[in-house]
Amino acid sequence: MVVLSKIYTKTGDAGETALGNGTRVAKHSQRVGAYGTVDELNATVGLARLHADGDMDAQLAAIQNDLFDLGADLCRPDMDKDADAEYPPLRMTDGQVDRLETEIDAMNGSLEPLRSFILPGGSALAAHLHLCRTVARRAERLSVELGSVEAINPAGTRYLNRLSDWFFVAGRIANGGGKDDVLWVPGANR
């Protein structure tokens, strides 16, 4: 269990922070950028939940919990030392990716195929879900970039890739099952 009795520590005042294994790194490191963007994504999901209810809210709550798992995974380097760790680090699993795929398939099954690209917008929930989608794509890019120089859990990157698709399809559901999607009209303002 985590106990946070004091919120500020002053240990980061010089521009460094501690990773999950205690290693100190610059706050501008690729690893901190990756898990910091996952945290930003989690905050955007919180905004989307202000407009969600029922199953959509429950699914978004599960995603928020997964994103904390992903942040914990990304802040813990040295995957090759997991077996030797005093406390096994939390790692993303393929089961979390599979759950997203199942939910995407269920949502997408009720939608008409797209015949145009859609613009982010429509209902308030859809607009927030599209914002989540773009932040998820950025988090994925940063995780892939980190993975090109340091070992990371590939399940985390797969999760982010599916998650952006989840937000896209959920945005269509939030737009009256796609009926209220805002369609792109190429060259409309020339």
N, C-alpha and C. Protein backbone atom coordinates (compact mmCIF):
# COMPACT_ATOMS: atom_id res chain seq x y z
N MET A 1 0.84 -1.19 0.00
CA MET A 1 0.00 0.00 0.00
C MET A 1 0.88 1.24 0.00
N VAL A 2 0.45 2.23 -0.70
CA VAL A 2 1.16 3.49 -0.76
C VAL A 2 0.64 4.42 0.33
N VAL A 3 1.55 5.05 1.05
CA VAL A 3 1.18 6.04 2.07
C VAL A 3 1.92 7.32 1.73
N LEU A 4 1.17 8.37 1.46
CA LEU A 4 1.76 9.67 1.14
C LEU A 4 1.36 10.64 2.24
N SER A 5 2.24 10.85 3.19
CA SER A 5 1.92 11.75 4.29
C SER A 5 2.42 13.16 4.01
N LYS A 6 3.42 13.28 3.16
CA LYS A 6 3.96 14.59 2.81
C LYS A 6 4.05 14.65 1.29
N ILE A 7 3.45 15.66 0.71
CA ILE A 7 3.35 15.72 -0.75
C ILE A 7 4.61 16.32 -1.37
N TYR A 8 5.17 17.33 -0.78
CA TYR A 8 6.40 17.88 -1.35
C TYR A 8 7.60 17.36 -0.58
N THR A 9 8.66 17.05 -1.33
CA THR A 9 9.87 16.49 -0.72
C THR A 9 11.09 17.36 -0.93
N LYS A 10 11.03 18.24 -1.92
CA LYS A 10 12.13 19.13 -2.30
C LYS A 10 13.28 18.37 -2.98
N THR A 11 13.14 17.04 -3.14
CA THR A 11 14.23 16.27 -3.75
C THR A 11 14.34 16.51 -5.25
N GLY A 12 13.31 17.08 -5.86
CA GLY A 12 13.33 17.34 -7.29
C GLY A 12 13.66 18.78 -7.65
N ASP A 13 14.01 19.57 -6.66
CA ASP A 13 14.26 20.99 -6.92
C ASP A 13 15.43 21.26 -7.86
N ALA A 14 16.34 20.32 -7.96
CA ALA A 14 17.51 20.50 -8.84
C ALA A 14 17.28 19.90 -10.23
N GLY A 15 16.02 19.50 -10.52
CA GLY A 15 15.72 18.99 -11.86
C GLY A 15 15.87 17.49 -12.03
N GLU A 16 15.93 16.77 -10.93
CA GLU A 16 16.00 15.31 -11.00
C GLU A 16 14.81 14.71 -10.26
N THR A 17 14.52 13.46 -10.60
CA THR A 17 13.46 12.72 -9.93
C THR A 17 13.90 11.27 -9.75
N ALA A 18 13.23 10.56 -8.87
CA ALA A 18 13.57 9.16 -8.63
C ALA A 18 12.65 8.26 -9.45
N LEU A 19 13.24 7.25 -10.07
CA LEU A 19 12.47 6.23 -10.76
C LEU A 19 11.99 5.19 -9.74
N GLY A 20 11.22 4.23 -10.21
CA GLY A 20 10.66 3.22 -9.33
C GLY A 20 11.69 2.34 -8.64
N ASN A 21 12.90 2.27 -9.19
CA ASN A 21 13.94 1.47 -8.55
C ASN A 21 14.89 2.33 -7.71
N GLY A 22 14.57 3.62 -7.55
CA GLY A 22 15.38 4.52 -6.74
C GLY A 22 16.43 5.30 -7.51
N THR A 23 16.69 4.93 -8.75
CA THR A 23 17.67 5.64 -9.57
C THR A 23 17.20 7.08 -9.79
N ARG A 24 18.12 8.02 -9.70
CA ARG A 24 17.79 9.43 -9.94
C ARG A 24 18.12 9.76 -11.39
N VAL A 25 17.19 10.43 -12.05
CA VAL A 25 17.38 10.83 -13.45
C VAL A 25 16.87 12.25 -13.62
N ALA A 26 17.29 12.86 -14.73
CA ALA A 26 16.81 14.20 -15.06
C ALA A 26 15.31 14.15 -15.36
N LYS A 27 14.60 15.18 -14.94
CA LYS A 27 13.17 15.23 -15.18
C LYS A 27 12.84 15.31 -16.66
N HIS A 28 13.82 15.66 -17.49
CA HIS A 28 13.59 15.73 -18.93
C HIS A 28 14.02 14.44 -19.64
N SER A 29 14.30 13.39 -18.89
CA SER A 29 14.71 12.12 -19.51
C SER A 29 13.56 11.54 -20.32
N GLN A 30 13.90 10.69 -21.29
CA GLN A 30 12.87 10.07 -22.12
C GLN A 30 11.90 9.24 -21.28
N ARG A 31 12.40 8.55 -20.27
CA ARG A 31 11.54 7.70 -19.44
C ARG A 31 10.52 8.56 -18.68
N VAL A 32 10.97 9.65 -18.11
CA VAL A 32 10.06 10.53 -17.38
C VAL A 32 9.06 11.16 -18.35
N GLY A 33 9.52 11.51 -19.54
CA GLY A 33 8.61 12.05 -20.55
C GLY A 33 7.53 11.05 -20.93
N ALA A 34 7.90 9.78 -21.04
CA ALA A 34 6.92 8.75 -21.42
C ALA A 34 5.89 8.55 -20.32
N TYR A 35 6.35 8.33 -19.08
CA TYR A 35 5.33 8.08 -18.05
C TYR A 35 4.62 9.36 -17.63
N GLY A 36 5.26 10.50 -17.81
CA GLY A 36 4.57 11.77 -17.55
C GLY A 36 3.43 12.00 -18.53
N THR A 37 3.61 11.59 -19.77
CA THR A 37 2.55 11.74 -20.77
C THR A 37 1.43 10.74 -20.51
N VAL A 38 1.77 9.56 -19.99
CA VAL A 38 0.73 8.61 -19.57
C VAL A 38 -0.09 9.22 -18.44
N ASP A 39 0.54 9.93 -17.53
CA ASP A 39 -0.17 10.61 -16.44
C ASP A 39 -1.07 11.70 -17.01
N GLU A 40 -0.57 12.46 -17.99
CA GLU A 40 -1.40 13.47 -18.65
C GLU A 40 -2.61 12.83 -19.32
N LEU A 41 -2.39 11.70 -19.97
CA LEU A 41 -3.49 10.97 -20.59
C LEU A 41 -4.53 10.58 -19.55
N ASN A 42 -4.08 10.11 -18.39
CA ASN A 42 -5.00 9.73 -17.34
C ASN A 42 -5.86 10.93 -16.91
N ALA A 43 -5.27 12.10 -16.85
CA ALA A 43 -6.03 13.30 -16.49
C ALA A 43 -7.07 13.63 -17.56
N THR A 44 -6.74 13.42 -18.84
CA THR A 44 -7.73 13.68 -19.89
C THR A 44 -8.87 12.68 -19.82
N VAL A 45 -8.57 11.45 -19.41
CA VAL A 45 -9.63 10.46 -19.23
C VAL A 45 -10.56 10.90 -18.10
N GLY A 46 -9.97 11.47 -17.04
CA GLY A 46 -10.79 11.99 -15.95
C GLY A 46 -11.75 13.06 -16.42
N LEU A 47 -11.31 13.91 -17.35
CA LEU A 47 -12.20 14.92 -17.92
C LEU A 47 -13.31 14.27 -18.74
N ALA A 48 -12.97 13.27 -19.52
CA ALA A 48 -13.99 12.57 -20.32
C ALA A 48 -15.04 11.95 -19.42
N ARG A 49 -14.61 11.41 -18.29
CA ARG A 49 -15.56 10.75 -17.39
C ARG A 49 -16.60 11.71 -16.83
N LEU A 50 -16.33 13.01 -16.84
CA LEU A 50 -17.34 13.98 -16.39
C LEU A 50 -18.58 13.93 -17.26
N HIS A 51 -18.44 13.40 -18.49
CA HIS A 51 -19.55 13.36 -19.45
C HIS A 51 -20.04 11.95 -19.71
N ALA A 52 -19.46 10.96 -19.05
CA ALA A 52 -19.80 9.56 -19.31
C ALA A 52 -20.68 9.01 -18.19
N ASP A 53 -21.39 7.95 -18.52
CA ASP A 53 -22.15 7.25 -17.49
C ASP A 53 -22.22 5.77 -17.85
N GLY A 54 -22.78 4.98 -16.97
CA GLY A 54 -23.00 3.57 -17.24
C GLY A 54 -21.74 2.81 -17.63
N ASP A 55 -21.88 1.97 -18.66
CA ASP A 55 -20.77 1.13 -19.11
C ASP A 55 -19.56 1.96 -19.55
N MET A 56 -19.82 3.08 -20.24
CA MET A 56 -18.70 3.90 -20.72
C MET A 56 -17.89 4.42 -19.54
N ASP A 57 -18.56 4.89 -18.49
CA ASP A 57 -17.84 5.38 -17.32
C ASP A 57 -17.06 4.25 -16.65
N ALA A 58 -17.65 3.09 -16.55
CA ALA A 58 -16.97 1.95 -15.94
C ALA A 58 -15.74 1.54 -16.75
N GLN A 59 -15.85 1.55 -18.07
CA GLN A 59 -14.71 1.21 -18.91
C GLN A 59 -13.61 2.26 -18.80
N LEU A 60 -14.00 3.52 -18.73
CA LEU A 60 -13.01 4.59 -18.57
C LEU A 60 -12.33 4.50 -17.20
N ALA A 61 -13.07 4.11 -16.17
CA ALA A 61 -12.46 3.92 -14.84
C ALA A 61 -11.42 2.80 -14.89
N ALA A 62 -11.73 1.72 -15.59
CA ALA A 62 -10.76 0.62 -15.73
C ALA A 62 -9.52 1.09 -16.48
N ILE A 63 -9.72 1.91 -17.51
CA ILE A 63 -8.59 2.45 -18.27
C ILE A 63 -7.73 3.34 -17.37
N GLN A 64 -8.35 4.15 -16.54
CA GLN A 64 -7.56 4.99 -15.64
C GLN A 64 -6.69 4.14 -14.73
N ASN A 65 -7.23 3.06 -14.21
CA ASN A 65 -6.44 2.18 -13.36
C ASN A 65 -5.30 1.55 -14.16
N ASP A 66 -5.60 1.10 -15.40
CA ASP A 66 -4.56 0.55 -16.26
C ASP A 66 -3.45 1.57 -16.52
N LEU A 67 -3.83 2.83 -16.70
CA LEU A 67 -2.82 3.85 -16.97
C LEU A 67 -1.90 4.07 -15.78
N PHE A 68 -2.43 3.91 -14.56
CA PHE A 68 -1.54 3.96 -13.39
C PHE A 68 -0.60 2.77 -13.41
N ASP A 69 -1.12 1.59 -13.79
CA ASP A 69 -0.26 0.41 -13.93
C ASP A 69 0.84 0.68 -14.95
N LEU A 70 0.46 1.28 -16.07
CA LEU A 70 1.43 1.57 -17.13
C LEU A 70 2.49 2.56 -16.65
N GLY A 71 2.06 3.60 -15.92
CA GLY A 71 3.03 4.53 -15.36
C GLY A 71 4.00 3.84 -14.42
N ALA A 72 3.48 2.94 -13.59
CA ALA A 72 4.35 2.19 -12.67
C ALA A 72 5.32 1.32 -13.46
N ASP A 73 4.85 0.73 -14.55
CA ASP A 73 5.70 -0.11 -15.40
C ASP A 73 6.82 0.73 -16.02
N LEU A 74 6.43 1.86 -16.61
CA LEU A 74 7.42 2.70 -17.30
C LEU A 74 8.43 3.34 -16.35
N CYS A 75 8.04 3.59 -15.11
CA CYS A 75 8.98 4.26 -14.19
C CYS A 75 9.95 3.26 -13.55
N ARG A 76 9.85 2.00 -13.93
CA ARG A 76 10.72 0.98 -13.36
C ARG A 76 11.60 0.39 -14.45
N PRO A 77 12.84 0.90 -14.60
CA PRO A 77 13.74 0.35 -15.63
C PRO A 77 14.31 -1.00 -15.20
N ASP A 78 15.23 -1.49 -15.97
CA ASP A 78 15.94 -2.74 -15.66
C ASP A 78 15.00 -3.94 -15.63
N MET A 79 14.25 -4.12 -16.72
CA MET A 79 13.34 -5.26 -16.79
C MET A 79 14.08 -6.58 -16.62
N ASP A 80 15.34 -6.61 -17.01
CA ASP A 80 16.11 -7.86 -16.89
C ASP A 80 16.39 -8.22 -15.44
N LYS A 81 16.15 -7.30 -14.51
CA LYS A 81 16.41 -7.56 -13.08
C LYS A 81 15.11 -7.78 -12.29
N ASP A 82 13.97 -7.91 -13.00
CA ASP A 82 12.69 -8.09 -12.32
C ASP A 82 12.70 -9.27 -11.37
N ALA A 83 13.30 -10.38 -11.78
CA ALA A 83 13.29 -11.60 -10.96
C ALA A 83 14.08 -11.42 -9.67
N ASP A 84 15.05 -10.52 -9.68
CA ASP A 84 15.89 -10.30 -8.50
C ASP A 84 15.37 -9.20 -7.59
N ALA A 85 14.30 -8.50 -8.00
CA ALA A 85 13.81 -7.37 -7.22
C ALA A 85 13.19 -7.82 -5.91
N GLU A 86 13.40 -7.03 -4.87
CA GLU A 86 12.83 -7.34 -3.56
C GLU A 86 11.30 -7.36 -3.65
N TYR A 87 10.75 -6.39 -4.38
CA TYR A 87 9.31 -6.33 -4.63
C TYR A 87 9.13 -6.42 -6.14
N PRO A 88 8.44 -7.45 -6.63
CA PRO A 88 8.28 -7.57 -8.08
C PRO A 88 7.59 -6.33 -8.65
N PRO A 89 8.17 -5.74 -9.68
CA PRO A 89 7.56 -4.54 -10.26
C PRO A 89 6.25 -4.87 -10.97
N LEU A 90 5.37 -3.91 -10.99
CA LEU A 90 4.10 -4.04 -11.69
C LEU A 90 4.36 -3.87 -13.18
N ARG A 91 3.94 -4.83 -13.98
CA ARG A 91 4.12 -4.77 -15.42
C ARG A 91 2.77 -4.93 -16.11
N MET A 92 2.61 -4.26 -17.23
CA MET A 92 1.41 -4.43 -18.05
C MET A 92 1.38 -5.85 -18.60
N THR A 93 0.17 -6.33 -18.88
CA THR A 93 0.02 -7.70 -19.37
C THR A 93 -0.75 -7.70 -20.69
N ASP A 94 -0.60 -8.78 -21.43
CA ASP A 94 -1.36 -8.93 -22.67
C ASP A 94 -2.86 -9.03 -22.38
N GLY A 95 -3.23 -9.48 -21.18
CA GLY A 95 -4.65 -9.53 -20.82
C GLY A 95 -5.30 -8.16 -20.83
N GLN A 96 -4.55 -7.14 -20.44
CA GLN A 96 -5.09 -5.78 -20.48
C GLN A 96 -5.30 -5.32 -21.92
N VAL A 97 -4.39 -5.70 -22.80
CA VAL A 97 -4.54 -5.39 -24.23
C VAL A 97 -5.74 -6.15 -24.79
N ASP A 98 -5.86 -7.42 -24.44
CA ASP A 98 -6.97 -8.24 -24.93
C ASP A 98 -8.32 -7.66 -24.52
N ARG A 99 -8.41 -7.15 -23.28
CA ARG A 99 -9.67 -6.55 -22.82
C ARG A 99 -10.06 -5.38 -23.70
N LEU A 100 -9.08 -4.52 -24.04
CA LEU A 100 -9.37 -3.39 -24.91
C LEU A 100 -9.87 -3.87 -26.27
N GLU A 101 -9.24 -4.89 -26.83
CA GLU A 101 -9.66 -5.41 -28.14
C GLU A 101 -11.09 -5.93 -28.08
N THR A 102 -11.43 -6.63 -27.01
CA THR A 102 -12.80 -7.14 -26.85
C THR A 102 -13.80 -5.99 -26.80
N GLU A 103 -13.46 -4.94 -26.05
CA GLU A 103 -14.35 -3.78 -25.94
C GLU A 103 -14.46 -3.04 -27.26
N ILE A 104 -13.35 -2.90 -27.98
CA ILE A 104 -13.39 -2.25 -29.30
C ILE A 104 -14.30 -3.02 -30.23
N ASP A 105 -14.13 -4.33 -30.28
CA ASP A 105 -14.95 -5.15 -31.18
C ASP A 105 -16.43 -5.02 -30.83
N ALA A 106 -16.76 -5.01 -29.54
CA ALA A 106 -18.16 -4.89 -29.12
C ALA A 106 -18.74 -3.54 -29.53
N MET A 107 -17.98 -2.46 -29.31
CA MET A 107 -18.47 -1.13 -29.68
C MET A 107 -18.59 -1.00 -31.19
N ASN A 108 -17.56 -1.46 -31.90
CA ASN A 108 -17.51 -1.29 -33.35
C ASN A 108 -18.59 -2.09 -34.05
N GLY A 109 -19.03 -3.18 -33.43
CA GLY A 109 -20.05 -4.02 -34.05
C GLY A 109 -21.36 -3.31 -34.28
N SER A 110 -21.63 -2.27 -33.52
CA SER A 110 -22.89 -1.54 -33.67
C SER A 110 -22.77 -0.31 -34.58
N LEU A 111 -21.59 -0.06 -35.11
CA LEU A 111 -21.37 1.16 -35.91
C LEU A 111 -21.38 0.86 -37.40
N GLU A 112 -21.90 1.81 -38.16
CA GLU A 112 -21.81 1.73 -39.61
C GLU A 112 -20.36 2.01 -40.01
N PRO A 113 -19.88 1.37 -41.07
CA PRO A 113 -18.51 1.66 -41.52
C PRO A 113 -18.35 3.13 -41.90
N LEU A 114 -17.17 3.66 -41.68
CA LEU A 114 -16.89 5.05 -42.04
C LEU A 114 -16.72 5.17 -43.55
N ARG A 115 -17.22 6.26 -44.10
CA ARG A 115 -17.05 6.56 -45.51
C ARG A 115 -16.31 7.88 -45.70
N SER A 116 -15.87 8.44 -44.56
CA SER A 116 -15.13 9.70 -44.55
C SER A 116 -14.33 9.72 -43.27
N PHE A 117 -13.27 10.50 -43.26
CA PHE A 117 -12.60 10.76 -41.99
C PHE A 117 -13.52 11.64 -41.16
N ILE A 118 -13.38 11.55 -39.85
CA ILE A 118 -14.20 12.39 -38.99
C ILE A 118 -13.34 13.39 -38.25
N LEU A 119 -13.94 14.51 -37.94
CA LEU A 119 -13.26 15.56 -37.18
C LEU A 119 -13.51 15.34 -35.70
N PRO A 120 -12.55 15.68 -34.86
CA PRO A 120 -12.77 15.55 -33.42
C PRO A 120 -13.88 16.49 -32.97
N GLY A 121 -14.90 15.98 -32.39
CA GLY A 121 -15.99 16.83 -31.92
C GLY A 121 -17.30 16.09 -31.88
N GLY A 122 -18.37 16.86 -31.94
CA GLY A 122 -19.70 16.30 -31.79
C GLY A 122 -20.16 16.57 -30.37
N SER A 123 -20.47 15.51 -29.65
CA SER A 123 -20.89 15.67 -28.25
C SER A 123 -19.68 16.03 -27.38
N ALA A 124 -19.97 16.51 -26.17
CA ALA A 124 -18.88 16.85 -25.24
C ALA A 124 -18.05 15.61 -24.93
N LEU A 125 -18.71 14.46 -24.72
CA LEU A 125 -17.97 13.24 -24.43
C LEU A 125 -17.10 12.84 -25.61
N ALA A 126 -17.64 12.90 -26.81
CA ALA A 126 -16.86 12.53 -28.00
C ALA A 126 -15.64 13.43 -28.15
N ALA A 127 -15.82 14.74 -27.95
CA ALA A 127 -14.70 15.67 -28.07
C ALA A 127 -13.60 15.32 -27.06
N HIS A 128 -13.99 15.00 -25.83
CA HIS A 128 -13.00 14.63 -24.82
C HIS A 128 -12.33 13.30 -25.16
N LEU A 129 -13.09 12.36 -25.70
CA LEU A 129 -12.49 11.08 -26.08
C LEU A 129 -11.50 11.25 -27.22
N HIS A 130 -11.78 12.17 -28.14
CA HIS A 130 -10.81 12.43 -29.22
C HIS A 130 -9.55 13.09 -28.66
N LEU A 131 -9.69 13.94 -27.66
CA LEU A 131 -8.50 14.49 -27.00
C LEU A 131 -7.71 13.36 -26.34
N CYS A 132 -8.39 12.46 -25.67
CA CYS A 132 -7.72 11.29 -25.08
C CYS A 132 -6.97 10.51 -26.16
N ARG A 133 -7.59 10.34 -27.32
CA ARG A 133 -6.97 9.60 -28.42
C ARG A 133 -5.65 10.23 -28.84
N THR A 134 -5.63 11.55 -28.96
CA THR A 134 -4.41 12.20 -29.43
C THR A 134 -3.31 12.16 -28.37
N VAL A 135 -3.68 12.26 -27.10
CA VAL A 135 -2.67 12.17 -26.04
C VAL A 135 -2.17 10.74 -25.94
N ALA A 136 -3.05 9.77 -26.16
CA ALA A 136 -2.61 8.36 -26.17
C ALA A 136 -1.61 8.12 -27.29
N ARG A 137 -1.84 8.71 -28.45
CA ARG A 137 -0.90 8.55 -29.57
C ARG A 137 0.46 9.17 -29.22
N ARG A 138 0.43 10.32 -28.54
CA ARG A 138 1.70 10.94 -28.15
C ARG A 138 2.42 10.08 -27.12
N ALA A 139 1.68 9.55 -26.15
CA ALA A 139 2.28 8.66 -25.15
C ALA A 139 2.88 7.43 -25.83
N GLU A 140 2.19 6.91 -26.84
CA GLU A 140 2.72 5.77 -27.58
C GLU A 140 4.02 6.13 -28.30
N ARG A 141 4.03 7.29 -28.97
CA ARG A 141 5.25 7.71 -29.68
C ARG A 141 6.42 7.85 -28.71
N LEU A 142 6.18 8.45 -27.55
CA LEU A 142 7.25 8.63 -26.57
C LEU A 142 7.71 7.29 -26.00
N SER A 143 6.79 6.35 -25.81
CA SER A 143 7.17 5.03 -25.31
C SER A 143 7.98 4.27 -26.35
N VAL A 144 7.58 4.37 -27.61
CA VAL A 144 8.34 3.72 -28.69
C VAL A 144 9.74 4.33 -28.76
N GLU A 145 9.81 5.65 -28.65
CA GLU A 145 11.11 6.32 -28.67
C GLU A 145 11.98 5.84 -27.50
N LEU A 146 11.39 5.75 -26.31
CA LEU A 146 12.13 5.24 -25.16
C LEU A 146 12.60 3.81 -25.41
N GLY A 147 11.71 2.99 -25.98
CA GLY A 147 12.04 1.61 -26.26
C GLY A 147 13.15 1.42 -27.27
N SER A 148 13.45 2.47 -28.04
CA SER A 148 14.55 2.37 -29.01
C SER A 148 15.91 2.54 -28.36
N VAL A 149 15.94 3.02 -27.11
CA VAL A 149 17.22 3.22 -26.42
C VAL A 149 17.32 2.47 -25.09
N GLU A 150 16.17 2.06 -24.53
CA GLU A 150 16.15 1.33 -23.27
C GLU A 150 15.10 0.24 -23.37
N ALA A 151 15.28 -0.83 -22.62
CA ALA A 151 14.30 -1.91 -22.61
C ALA A 151 13.03 -1.45 -21.89
N ILE A 152 11.89 -1.68 -22.54
CA ILE A 152 10.59 -1.43 -21.91
C ILE A 152 9.71 -2.64 -22.18
N ASN A 153 8.65 -2.73 -21.45
CA ASN A 153 7.70 -3.82 -21.59
C ASN A 153 6.88 -3.60 -22.88
N PRO A 154 6.97 -4.49 -23.86
CA PRO A 154 6.24 -4.30 -25.11
C PRO A 154 4.72 -4.32 -24.93
N ALA A 155 4.22 -4.94 -23.87
CA ALA A 155 2.78 -4.95 -23.63
C ALA A 155 2.27 -3.53 -23.37
N GLY A 156 3.10 -2.67 -22.79
CA GLY A 156 2.70 -1.29 -22.54
C GLY A 156 2.50 -0.52 -23.83
N THR A 157 3.39 -0.72 -24.79
CA THR A 157 3.26 -0.04 -26.08
C THR A 157 2.04 -0.57 -26.83
N ARG A 158 1.83 -1.88 -26.80
CA ARG A 158 0.65 -2.45 -27.45
C ARG A 158 -0.62 -1.89 -26.81
N TYR A 159 -0.61 -1.76 -25.49
CA TYR A 159 -1.77 -1.22 -24.79
C TYR A 159 -2.08 0.20 -25.30
N LEU A 160 -1.07 1.04 -25.38
CA LEU A 160 -1.30 2.41 -25.85
C LEU A 160 -1.80 2.44 -27.28
N ASN A 161 -1.28 1.54 -28.12
CA ASN A 161 -1.73 1.49 -29.51
C ASN A 161 -3.21 1.13 -29.58
N ARG A 162 -3.63 0.11 -28.84
CA ARG A 162 -5.05 -0.27 -28.83
C ARG A 162 -5.91 0.80 -28.17
N LEU A 163 -5.34 1.45 -27.15
CA LEU A 163 -6.12 2.43 -26.41
C LEU A 163 -6.53 3.60 -27.31
N SER A 164 -5.64 4.06 -28.17
CA SER A 164 -6.02 5.16 -29.06
C SER A 164 -7.16 4.72 -29.98
N ASP A 165 -7.12 3.46 -30.44
CA ASP A 165 -8.23 2.92 -31.24
C ASP A 165 -9.50 2.86 -30.42
N TRP A 166 -9.38 2.45 -29.15
CA TRP A 166 -10.54 2.39 -28.25
C TRP A 166 -11.19 3.76 -28.15
N PHE A 167 -10.37 4.80 -27.94
CA PHE A 167 -10.93 6.15 -27.81
C PHE A 167 -11.62 6.59 -29.09
N PHE A 168 -11.06 6.23 -30.24
CA PHE A 168 -11.68 6.61 -31.52
C PHE A 168 -13.07 5.98 -31.64
N VAL A 169 -13.15 4.68 -31.40
CA VAL A 169 -14.43 3.99 -31.53
C VAL A 169 -15.41 4.48 -30.45
N ALA A 170 -14.93 4.67 -29.23
CA ALA A 170 -15.79 5.18 -28.16
C ALA A 170 -16.30 6.58 -28.50
N GLY A 171 -15.48 7.40 -29.16
CA GLY A 171 -15.93 8.72 -29.59
C GLY A 171 -17.10 8.62 -30.57
N ARG A 172 -17.06 7.62 -31.44
CA ARG A 172 -18.17 7.42 -32.38
C ARG A 172 -19.42 6.96 -31.63
N ILE A 173 -19.24 6.09 -30.64
CA ILE A 173 -20.38 5.66 -29.82
C ILE A 173 -20.99 6.88 -29.12
N ALA A 174 -20.14 7.76 -28.60
CA ALA A 174 -20.61 8.95 -27.89
C ALA A 174 -21.29 9.94 -28.82
N ASN A 175 -21.09 9.80 -30.11
CA ASN A 175 -21.75 10.66 -31.09
C ASN A 175 -22.95 9.93 -31.69
N GLY A 176 -23.82 9.47 -30.82
CA GLY A 176 -25.05 8.83 -31.28
C GLY A 176 -24.80 7.58 -32.10
N GLY A 177 -23.81 6.81 -31.72
CA GLY A 177 -23.49 5.60 -32.48
C GLY A 177 -22.95 5.93 -33.86
N GLY A 178 -22.30 7.07 -33.99
CA GLY A 178 -21.71 7.49 -35.26
C GLY A 178 -22.62 8.38 -36.07
N LYS A 179 -23.90 8.47 -35.73
CA LYS A 179 -24.85 9.28 -36.50
C LYS A 179 -24.54 10.78 -36.42
N ASP A 180 -23.92 11.19 -35.31
CA ASP A 180 -23.61 12.61 -35.11
C ASP A 180 -22.13 12.91 -35.28
N ASP A 181 -21.38 11.98 -35.91
CA ASP A 181 -19.97 12.25 -36.20
C ASP A 181 -19.86 13.49 -37.08
N VAL A 182 -18.82 14.26 -36.87
CA VAL A 182 -18.56 15.45 -37.68
C VAL A 182 -17.63 15.01 -38.81
N LEU A 183 -18.14 15.01 -40.02
CA LEU A 183 -17.38 14.50 -41.16
C LEU A 183 -16.44 15.55 -41.72
N TRP A 184 -15.27 15.11 -42.13
CA TRP A 184 -14.30 15.96 -42.82
C TRP A 184 -14.77 16.13 -44.26
N VAL A 185 -14.74 17.38 -44.72
CA VAL A 185 -15.07 17.68 -46.11
C VAL A 185 -13.78 18.21 -46.74
N PRO A 186 -13.06 17.37 -47.48
CA PRO A 186 -11.78 17.80 -48.04
C PRO A 186 -11.91 19.06 -48.89
N GLY A 187 -11.08 20.03 -48.62
CA GLY A 187 -11.04 21.26 -49.41
C GLY A 187 -12.27 22.14 -49.27
N ALA A 188 -13.06 21.96 -48.25
CA ALA A 188 -14.33 22.69 -48.12
C ALA A 188 -14.15 24.19 -48.03
N ASN A 189 -13.01 24.67 -47.60
CA ASN A 189 -12.85 26.12 -47.38
C ASN A 189 -11.86 26.75 -48.32
N ARG A 190 -11.62 26.15 -49.45
CA ARG A 190 -10.69 26.74 -50.41
C ARG A 190 -11.28 27.92 -51.09
